Structures are given as C-alpha cells and as structure tokens.
N, C-alpha and C. Protein backbone atom coordinates (compact mmCIF):
# COMPACT_ATOMS: atom_id res chain seq x y z
N MET A 1 -50.21 16.52 20.44
CA MET A 1 -49.81 16.77 21.32
C MET A 1 -48.50 16.13 21.57
N THR A 2 -48.46 14.15 20.58
CA THR A 2 -48.01 13.64 21.36
C THR A 2 -46.60 13.51 19.97
N ALA A 3 -47.00 13.85 19.57
CA ALA A 3 -46.55 15.19 17.38
C ALA A 3 -45.47 15.69 18.15
N GLY A 4 -45.61 16.34 18.83
CA GLY A 4 -45.58 18.25 19.47
C GLY A 4 -43.78 17.46 20.56
N LEU A 5 -44.13 16.43 20.88
CA LEU A 5 -43.39 16.92 22.50
C LEU A 5 -42.36 15.97 21.43
N ALA A 6 -42.37 15.09 20.43
CA ALA A 6 -42.02 14.27 19.44
C ALA A 6 -40.70 15.82 18.42
N VAL A 7 -41.55 16.65 17.71
CA VAL A 7 -40.85 17.39 17.89
C VAL A 7 -39.62 18.88 18.58
N SER A 8 -40.58 18.52 19.59
CA SER A 8 -39.39 19.33 20.38
C SER A 8 -38.15 20.25 20.27
N ARG A 9 -37.81 18.75 21.20
CA ARG A 9 -35.61 18.40 20.93
C ARG A 9 -35.03 18.74 20.06
N ARG A 10 -35.49 19.11 18.44
CA ARG A 10 -35.21 18.98 17.85
C ARG A 10 -35.79 19.07 16.12
N PRO A 11 -35.60 18.46 14.87
CA PRO A 11 -36.10 19.26 13.61
C PRO A 11 -36.84 18.05 14.03
N ARG A 12 -37.09 16.86 13.38
CA ARG A 12 -37.11 15.63 12.95
C ARG A 12 -38.28 14.88 11.30
N GLY A 13 -37.68 14.56 11.25
CA GLY A 13 -38.54 13.96 9.91
C GLY A 13 -39.64 12.98 9.62
N ARG A 14 -40.45 12.77 9.57
CA ARG A 14 -41.54 11.56 8.94
C ARG A 14 -40.84 10.48 10.27
N ARG A 15 -40.52 9.66 9.64
CA ARG A 15 -40.58 8.74 10.81
C ARG A 15 -40.41 8.97 12.02
N GLU A 16 -39.19 9.76 11.70
CA GLU A 16 -38.84 9.63 13.68
C GLU A 16 -40.22 10.58 14.67
N VAL A 17 -40.86 11.52 14.29
CA VAL A 17 -41.56 11.51 14.77
C VAL A 17 -42.53 10.27 14.95
N ARG A 18 -42.40 9.33 13.68
CA ARG A 18 -43.60 8.35 13.91
C ARG A 18 -43.23 7.40 14.71
N GLY A 19 -41.81 6.83 15.31
CA GLY A 19 -41.00 5.91 16.06
C GLY A 19 -40.61 6.80 16.83
N SER A 20 -40.98 8.04 17.67
CA SER A 20 -40.85 7.93 18.67
C SER A 20 -42.41 8.76 19.68
N ALA A 21 -43.04 8.72 18.85
CA ALA A 21 -44.66 8.58 18.79
C ALA A 21 -45.91 8.00 18.12
N PRO A 22 -45.06 6.15 19.36
CA PRO A 22 -45.77 5.27 18.86
C PRO A 22 -47.81 4.96 17.92
N ARG A 23 -48.43 6.28 18.95
CA ARG A 23 -49.44 5.98 18.79
C ARG A 23 -49.37 6.77 17.83
N VAL A 24 -49.64 7.14 16.99
CA VAL A 24 -49.80 8.94 15.39
C VAL A 24 -49.44 7.18 14.32
N ARG A 25 -50.49 7.07 13.82
CA ARG A 25 -50.34 5.50 12.99
C ARG A 25 -50.05 6.55 11.77
N ALA A 26 -49.63 5.81 10.63
CA ALA A 26 -48.04 5.56 9.81
C ALA A 26 -48.89 6.22 8.73
N ARG A 27 -50.38 7.14 8.63
CA ARG A 27 -51.09 7.95 7.55
C ARG A 27 -50.66 8.86 8.45
N ARG A 28 -50.35 9.38 9.40
CA ARG A 28 -50.73 11.02 10.35
C ARG A 28 -49.55 11.22 10.42
N PRO A 29 -48.72 10.83 10.81
CA PRO A 29 -47.70 12.20 11.12
C PRO A 29 -47.49 13.48 11.26
N GLY A 30 -47.57 13.12 9.74
CA GLY A 30 -47.78 15.44 8.99
C GLY A 30 -49.38 15.74 9.55
N ARG A 31 -50.05 14.77 9.26
CA ARG A 31 -51.02 15.60 10.13
C ARG A 31 -51.10 15.64 11.85
N ALA A 32 -50.50 14.93 11.44
CA ALA A 32 -50.17 14.73 13.59
C ALA A 32 -49.49 16.15 14.12
N VAL A 33 -48.75 16.37 13.36
CA VAL A 33 -47.78 17.95 13.35
C VAL A 33 -48.41 19.34 12.63
N ARG A 34 -49.41 18.55 11.35
CA ARG A 34 -50.09 19.67 11.14
C ARG A 34 -51.24 20.24 11.14
N GLY A 35 -52.22 18.49 11.03
CA GLY A 35 -53.15 19.76 11.97
C GLY A 35 -54.48 20.44 12.10
N PRO A 36 -55.32 20.57 12.87
CA PRO A 36 -55.52 21.42 12.42
C PRO A 36 -54.97 22.41 13.97
N ARG A 37 -54.09 23.35 13.94
CA ARG A 37 -53.58 24.17 14.82
C ARG A 37 -53.57 25.69 13.83
N PRO A 38 -53.15 26.17 14.76
CA PRO A 38 -52.96 27.35 15.01
C PRO A 38 -51.49 27.12 14.36
N PRO A 39 -51.08 28.50 12.79
CA PRO A 39 -50.15 28.35 11.83
C PRO A 39 -48.48 28.74 12.95
N ALA A 40 -48.58 28.92 13.69
CA ALA A 40 -47.48 29.10 14.41
C ALA A 40 -47.02 28.45 15.14
N ARG A 41 -47.52 27.20 15.30
CA ARG A 41 -46.89 25.84 16.20
C ARG A 41 -46.34 25.26 15.95
N THR A 42 -46.29 25.47 14.34
CA THR A 42 -45.12 24.59 14.19
C THR A 42 -44.85 24.48 12.52
N GLY A 43 -43.35 24.31 11.92
CA GLY A 43 -42.74 24.65 10.64
C GLY A 43 -42.61 23.60 10.06
N ALA A 44 -42.24 23.29 8.73
CA ALA A 44 -42.06 22.92 8.76
C ALA A 44 -40.72 23.08 7.57
N THR A 45 -39.08 21.59 7.42
CA THR A 45 -38.37 23.31 7.20
C THR A 45 -37.30 22.81 6.50
N ASN A 46 -36.60 22.31 4.50
CA ASN A 46 -35.64 21.14 3.75
C ASN A 46 -35.71 21.06 2.96
N HIS A 47 -35.00 21.64 2.18
CA HIS A 47 -34.90 21.31 0.79
C HIS A 47 -33.81 20.96 0.56
N SER A 48 -33.69 20.22 -0.36
CA SER A 48 -33.02 18.08 -0.04
C SER A 48 -33.73 17.98 -1.22
N ALA A 49 -32.94 16.84 -1.85
CA ALA A 49 -33.64 15.98 -2.70
C ALA A 49 -32.83 14.12 -2.00
N PRO A 50 -33.46 14.02 -2.56
CA PRO A 50 -35.25 13.98 -2.87
C PRO A 50 -35.93 14.26 -1.90
N VAL A 51 -37.39 15.11 -1.88
CA VAL A 51 -38.34 15.26 -0.47
C VAL A 51 -38.10 14.91 -0.02
N ARG A 52 -37.59 15.99 1.40
CA ARG A 52 -37.56 15.43 2.46
C ARG A 52 -38.41 16.43 3.62
N VAL A 53 -38.94 16.44 4.94
CA VAL A 53 -39.41 17.09 5.72
C VAL A 53 -39.31 17.77 6.99
N ASP A 54 -38.10 17.97 6.45
CA ASP A 54 -37.76 18.42 8.68
C ASP A 54 -39.86 18.61 9.22
N TYR A 55 -39.40 18.25 10.48
CA TYR A 55 -40.74 19.76 11.64
C TYR A 55 -40.05 20.16 12.55
N ARG A 56 -39.96 20.68 13.06
CA ARG A 56 -39.67 21.85 13.99
C ARG A 56 -41.01 22.68 14.59
N LEU A 57 -40.86 22.91 15.85
CA LEU A 57 -41.40 23.73 16.38
C LEU A 57 -41.58 25.86 16.81
N THR A 58 -42.27 26.47 16.88
CA THR A 58 -41.65 28.03 16.01
C THR A 58 -41.66 27.95 17.99
N PRO A 59 -41.51 29.31 17.59
CA PRO A 59 -40.70 30.12 19.13
C PRO A 59 -42.41 30.26 20.48
N LEU A 60 -43.49 30.16 19.25
CA LEU A 60 -44.72 30.05 19.53
C LEU A 60 -45.15 28.46 20.36
N GLY A 61 -44.73 27.28 19.39
CA GLY A 61 -45.02 26.22 20.21
C GLY A 61 -43.61 25.53 21.02
N GLU A 62 -43.17 25.92 21.07
CA GLU A 62 -42.47 25.75 21.98
C GLU A 62 -42.44 26.70 23.17
N ASP A 63 -42.81 27.63 23.70
CA ASP A 63 -43.21 28.12 24.61
C ASP A 63 -45.10 28.28 25.21
N LEU A 64 -45.08 26.62 24.40
CA LEU A 64 -46.58 25.21 24.73
C LEU A 64 -45.51 24.62 25.37
N MET A 65 -44.24 23.87 25.14
CA MET A 65 -43.52 22.52 25.87
C MET A 65 -43.56 22.49 26.98
N PRO A 66 -43.24 23.42 27.97
CA PRO A 66 -43.66 23.14 29.54
C PRO A 66 -45.52 22.28 30.34
N LEU A 67 -46.30 23.50 29.51
CA LEU A 67 -47.64 22.82 29.94
C LEU A 67 -47.77 21.73 28.75
N LEU A 68 -47.20 21.70 27.50
CA LEU A 68 -47.22 19.76 27.63
C LEU A 68 -46.28 18.37 28.30
N GLU A 69 -45.02 18.93 28.12
CA GLU A 69 -44.90 18.38 29.19
C GLU A 69 -45.40 16.95 30.82
N ALA A 70 -45.81 19.34 31.37
CA ALA A 70 -47.02 18.35 32.56
C ALA A 70 -47.49 17.87 32.35
N ILE A 71 -48.40 18.00 30.85
CA ILE A 71 -49.59 17.08 31.19
C ILE A 71 -49.22 15.08 30.12
N LYS A 72 -47.94 15.40 29.60
CA LYS A 72 -47.41 13.86 29.82
C LYS A 72 -46.85 13.66 31.06
N ASN A 73 -46.81 14.21 31.29
CA ASN A 73 -45.97 13.09 32.89
C ASN A 73 -47.76 13.09 34.06
N TRP A 74 -47.72 13.66 33.78
CA TRP A 74 -49.65 13.53 34.77
C TRP A 74 -49.91 12.11 33.97
N ALA A 75 -50.52 12.96 32.49
CA ALA A 75 -50.63 10.91 31.98
C ALA A 75 -49.96 9.77 32.30
N GLU A 76 -48.26 9.72 32.31
CA GLU A 76 -47.69 8.58 32.49
C GLU A 76 -48.26 8.37 33.78
N ILE A 77 -47.82 9.58 35.22
CA ILE A 77 -48.21 8.80 36.84
C ILE A 77 -49.99 8.22 36.65
N HIS A 78 -50.00 8.75 36.00
CA HIS A 78 -51.51 8.46 36.25
C HIS A 78 -51.73 7.78 34.94
N MET A 79 -51.38 6.36 34.22
CA MET A 79 -52.99 5.53 33.07
C MET A 79 -53.18 4.63 33.70
N GLU A 80 -52.53 4.39 34.76
CA GLU A 80 -53.02 3.01 34.72
C GLU A 80 -53.92 3.90 35.92
N ASP A 81 -54.98 4.90 36.69
CA ASP A 81 -56.34 5.17 37.29
C ASP A 81 -56.48 5.43 35.79
N VAL A 82 -56.56 5.97 35.36
CA VAL A 82 -56.95 6.42 34.12
C VAL A 82 -58.14 4.73 33.62
N GLU A 83 -56.61 3.98 33.03
CA GLU A 83 -57.55 2.44 32.27
C GLU A 83 -58.61 1.79 33.17
N ALA A 84 -57.98 2.05 35.09
CA ALA A 84 -59.05 0.90 35.63
C ALA A 84 -60.40 1.94 35.53
N ALA A 85 -59.91 2.94 35.13
CA ALA A 85 -61.92 4.09 35.33
C ALA A 85 -62.33 3.90 34.01
N ARG A 86 -61.70 3.64 33.28
CA ARG A 86 -62.82 2.77 31.65
C ARG A 86 -62.82 2.29 31.83
N GLU A 87 -62.46 0.87 32.85
CA GLU A 87 -62.92 -0.86 32.66
C GLU A 87 -64.25 -0.62 33.21
N ALA A 88 -63.76 0.02 34.33
CA ALA A 88 -64.90 -0.33 35.70
C ALA A 88 -66.12 0.96 34.85
N TYR A 89 -65.74 1.29 33.91
CA TYR A 89 -67.35 2.81 33.86
C TYR A 89 -67.52 1.35 32.48
N ASP A 90 -66.45 0.33 31.39
CA ASP A 90 -67.11 0.04 30.86
C ASP A 90 -68.07 -0.76 31.87
N ARG A 91 -67.34 -1.69 32.36
CA ARG A 91 -68.06 -2.75 32.47
C ARG A 91 -69.71 -2.84 34.12
N ARG A 92 -70.29 -1.41 34.33
CA ARG A 92 -71.38 -0.98 34.47
C ARG A 92 -72.31 -1.61 33.53
N PRO A 93 -73.58 -1.29 34.70
CA PRO A 93 -73.88 -2.05 33.63
C PRO A 93 -75.08 -0.80 33.17
N ALA A 94 -76.31 -0.98 31.16
CA ALA A 94 -76.12 -0.90 30.63
C ALA A 94 -77.34 -0.37 30.78
N ALA A 95 -77.52 0.94 31.10
CA ALA A 95 -78.83 2.09 31.27
C ALA A 95 -80.15 1.44 30.27
N ALA A 96 -81.15 1.36 30.62
CA ALA A 96 -82.67 0.77 30.45
C ALA A 96 -82.64 2.02 28.77
N PRO A 97 -83.36 0.93 27.55
CA PRO A 97 -83.65 2.64 26.81
C PRO A 97 -85.14 3.69 27.47
C-alpha cells in the first residue's frame, strides 16, 4: 500500500519509492510495487541507458487511490491508539498451556 501511494502522483524510480516509503526495505521497492498484485494495478516504464525503471499506477490502480488515501489517513490519526493496543496486548499475562 505504501509503495502504491508513493507512485500515485507521478512515476517514480526505485530510490524514490524507497525514500518515500521508509518501511519498504532496500531490496524490496520493486517487490512492494510488483509483489503479488493484479497485473493491471501498476506498470513499469522507461527505456534508457543505463537501465532505469519508473513505476506508475495504471488507471485501475489510480481508481484505488481514494480508498488507499482514506486508509492512510485513518492510520495516521489512530497510530497512537493502535500502538497502545499492541503494547497492552503484549503486557497481558501469558495463557497457561
């Protein structure tokens, strides 16, 4: 999702995807964009030397952007609550075997 948001505004190269999506590991920007996905969500274009790949959303991928933006906004608003719930869960007593 993060990589999809990164390429939603304009085509971006691998480093730009990684820089705008800090949780995407260095080896994974391409996988995060390509990954297990419907083939019509993203595309890669650029024919240059040296070889460079720019990732962009297809029209179907762009159609998802309002939904992804809403999820991103919700996550930003509720991140502290989510982290507090995780910490509370981690502090609970272990279940007996």
